[in-house]
Amino acid sequence: MPDEFQNAVQSALTPSEDAFAVSPHDNTPLVAVPKYLYVGGAGRVTLRALDSTADVVFENVPAGGYIYVRASHVRATGTTATAIVGCA
């Protein structure tokens, strides 16, 4: 199958090359740093951005919504959204 992006240099503007299920956990970091998170089931997402020293809460994220943050952690405590996918 042809890949139109085969020679593209990866950046925040190029399509993701990997996707992985996110299991919120209070201590375990994500398996990879995503370009963004996809939220399948509406709710709140508590996360730590890659270069941050404190967590932040995204309230009322709709089902099918995206959070454009390079996160290191998605916390179980405070996260009510479901079916979260990291896109890297």
C-alpha atoms as a PDB file:
ATOM      1  CA  MET A   1       0.000   0.000   0.000  1.00  0.00           C
ATOM      2  CA  PRO A   2       1.429   3.442  -0.877  1.00  0.00           C
ATOM      3  CA  ASP A   3       2.362   5.696   2.042  1.00  0.00           C
ATOM      4  CA  GLU A   4       2.102   9.377   1.128  1.00  0.00           C
ATOM      5  CA  PHE A   5       3.850  10.339   4.353  1.00  0.00           C
ATOM      6  CA  GLN A   6       6.739   7.868   4.075  1.00  0.00           C
ATOM      7  CA  ASN A   7       9.348  10.597   3.642  1.00  0.00           C
ATOM      8  CA  ALA A   8       7.717  13.195   5.885  1.00  0.00           C
ATOM      9  CA  VAL A   9       9.713  14.359   8.886  1.00  0.00           C
ATOM     10  CA  GLN A  10       7.635  13.751  11.995  1.00  0.00           C
ATOM     11  CA  SER A  11       6.306  16.923  13.606  1.00  0.00           C
ATOM     12  CA  ALA A  12       3.252  18.064  15.523  1.00  0.00           C
ATOM     13  CA  LEU A  13       1.541  18.666  12.184  1.00  0.00           C
ATOM     14  CA  THR A  14       2.131  15.273  10.579  1.00  0.00           C
ATOM     15  CA  PRO A  15      -0.190  12.313  11.137  1.00  0.00           C
ATOM     16  CA  SER A  16       0.512  10.074  14.089  1.00  0.00           C
ATOM     17  CA  GLU A  17       2.421   6.889  13.383  1.00  0.00           C
ATOM     18  CA  ASP A  18       1.392   5.022  16.524  1.00  0.00           C
ATOM     19  CA  ALA A  19      -1.735   4.715  18.647  1.00  0.00           C
ATOM     20  CA  PHE A  20      -2.058   3.005  22.009  1.00  0.00           C
ATOM     21  CA  ALA A  21      -4.689   2.465  24.664  1.00  0.00           C
ATOM     22  CA  VAL A  22      -4.240   4.627  27.734  1.00  0.00           C
ATOM     23  CA  SER A  23      -4.897   3.015  31.105  1.00  0.00           C
ATOM     24  CA  PRO A  24      -4.992   5.867  33.624  1.00  0.00           C
ATOM     25  CA  HIS A  25      -2.648   5.236  36.550  1.00  0.00           C
ATOM     26  CA  ASP A  26      -1.526   7.497  39.349  1.00  0.00           C
ATOM     27  CA  ASN A  27       2.184   6.642  39.089  1.00  0.00           C
ATOM     28  CA  THR A  28       2.962   4.795  35.857  1.00  0.00           C
ATOM     29  CA  PRO A  29       3.939   7.010  32.895  1.00  0.00           C
ATOM     30  CA  LEU A  30       2.422   6.522  29.456  1.00  0.00           C
ATOM     31  CA  VAL A  31       4.169   3.965  27.222  1.00  0.00           C
ATOM     32  CA  ALA A  32       5.049   6.752  24.744  1.00  0.00           C
ATOM     33  CA  VAL A  33       4.676  10.531  24.626  1.00  0.00           C
ATOM     34  CA  PRO A  34       1.610  11.241  22.490  1.00  0.00           C
ATOM     35  CA  LYS A  35       1.037  14.189  20.169  1.00  0.00           C
ATOM     36  CA  TYR A  36      -2.507  14.218  21.506  1.00  0.00           C
ATOM     37  CA  LEU A  37      -5.081  12.137  23.367  1.00  0.00           C
ATOM     38  CA  TYR A  38      -8.383  10.973  21.907  1.00  0.00           C
ATOM     39  CA  VAL A  39     -11.224  10.628  24.425  1.00  0.00           C
ATOM     40  CA  GLY A  40     -13.850   8.034  23.482  1.00  0.00           C
ATOM     41  CA  GLY A  41     -16.119   8.470  26.511  1.00  0.00           C
ATOM     42  CA  ALA A  42     -16.917  11.921  27.911  1.00  0.00           C
ATOM     43  CA  GLY A  43     -15.592  13.116  31.245  1.00  0.00           C
ATOM     44  CA  ARG A  44     -12.658  14.671  33.050  1.00  0.00           C
ATOM     45  CA  VAL A  45      -8.995  13.916  32.286  1.00  0.00           C
ATOM     46  CA  THR A  46      -6.267  14.597  34.831  1.00  0.00           C
ATOM     47  CA  LEU A  47      -2.819  14.565  33.280  1.00  0.00           C
ATOM     48  CA  ARG A  48       0.754  15.756  33.610  1.00  0.00           C
ATOM     49  CA  ALA A  49       2.107  17.567  30.549  1.00  0.00           C
ATOM     50  CA  LEU A  50       5.570  16.471  29.475  1.00  0.00           C
ATOM     51  CA  ASP A  51       7.472  19.522  30.766  1.00  0.00           C
ATOM     52  CA  SER A  52       5.168  20.381  33.689  1.00  0.00           C
ATOM     53  CA  THR A  53       5.743  19.948  37.393  1.00  0.00           C
ATOM     54  CA  ALA A  54       2.039  19.806  38.288  1.00  0.00           C
ATOM     55  CA  ASP A  55      -1.042  18.017  37.026  1.00  0.00           C
ATOM     56  CA  VAL A  56      -3.835  19.778  35.169  1.00  0.00           C
ATOM     57  CA  VAL A  57      -7.496  18.801  34.831  1.00  0.00           C
ATOM     58  CA  PHE A  58      -9.389  18.999  31.549  1.00  0.00           C
ATOM     59  CA  GLU A  59     -13.064  19.272  32.511  1.00  0.00           C
ATOM     60  CA  ASN A  60     -16.035  18.191  30.400  1.00  0.00           C
ATOM     61  CA  VAL A  61     -14.072  16.625  27.548  1.00  0.00           C
ATOM     62  CA  PRO A  62     -16.754  15.421  25.112  1.00  0.00           C
ATOM     63  CA  ALA A  63     -16.924  11.910  23.707  1.00  0.00           C
ATOM     64  CA  GLY A  64     -14.892  11.941  20.514  1.00  0.00           C
ATOM     65  CA  GLY A  65     -12.854  14.914  21.751  1.00  0.00           C
ATOM     66  CA  TYR A  66      -9.126  15.505  21.480  1.00  0.00           C
ATOM     67  CA  ILE A  67      -6.664  16.933  23.992  1.00  0.00           C
ATOM     68  CA  TYR A  68      -3.664  18.384  22.168  1.00  0.00           C
ATOM     69  CA  VAL A  69      -1.083  17.991  24.928  1.00  0.00           C
ATOM     70  CA  ARG A  70       2.104  15.953  24.994  1.00  0.00           C
ATOM     71  CA  ALA A  71       1.445  14.160  28.266  1.00  0.00           C
ATOM     72  CA  SER A  72       3.742  12.017  30.380  1.00  0.00           C
ATOM     73  CA  HIS A  73       0.977  10.679  32.653  1.00  0.00           C
ATOM     74  CA  VAL A  74      -2.807  10.297  32.684  1.00  0.00           C
ATOM     75  CA  ARG A  75      -3.844   9.950  36.308  1.00  0.00           C
ATOM     76  CA  ALA A  76      -6.472   7.492  37.532  1.00  0.00           C
ATOM     77  CA  THR A  77      -7.417   9.832  40.367  1.00  0.00           C
ATOM     78  CA  GLY A  78      -9.601  12.560  38.930  1.00  0.00           C
ATOM     79  CA  THR A  79     -10.055  10.963  35.492  1.00  0.00           C
ATOM     80  CA  THR A  80     -13.613   9.980  34.656  1.00  0.00           C
ATOM     81  CA  ALA A  81     -13.323   9.901  30.855  1.00  0.00           C
ATOM     82  CA  THR A  82     -13.054   6.478  29.238  1.00  0.00           C
ATOM     83  CA  ALA A  83     -11.673   4.859  26.098  1.00  0.00           C
ATOM     84  CA  ILE A  84      -8.638   7.169  25.988  1.00  0.00           C
ATOM     85  CA  VAL A  85      -6.162   6.604  23.144  1.00  0.00           C
ATOM     86  CA  GLY A  86      -2.691   8.141  22.876  1.00  0.00           C
ATOM     87  CA  CYS A  87      -1.620   9.100  19.354  1.00  0.00           C
ATOM     88  CA  ALA A  88       2.128   9.417  18.855  1.00  0.00           C
END
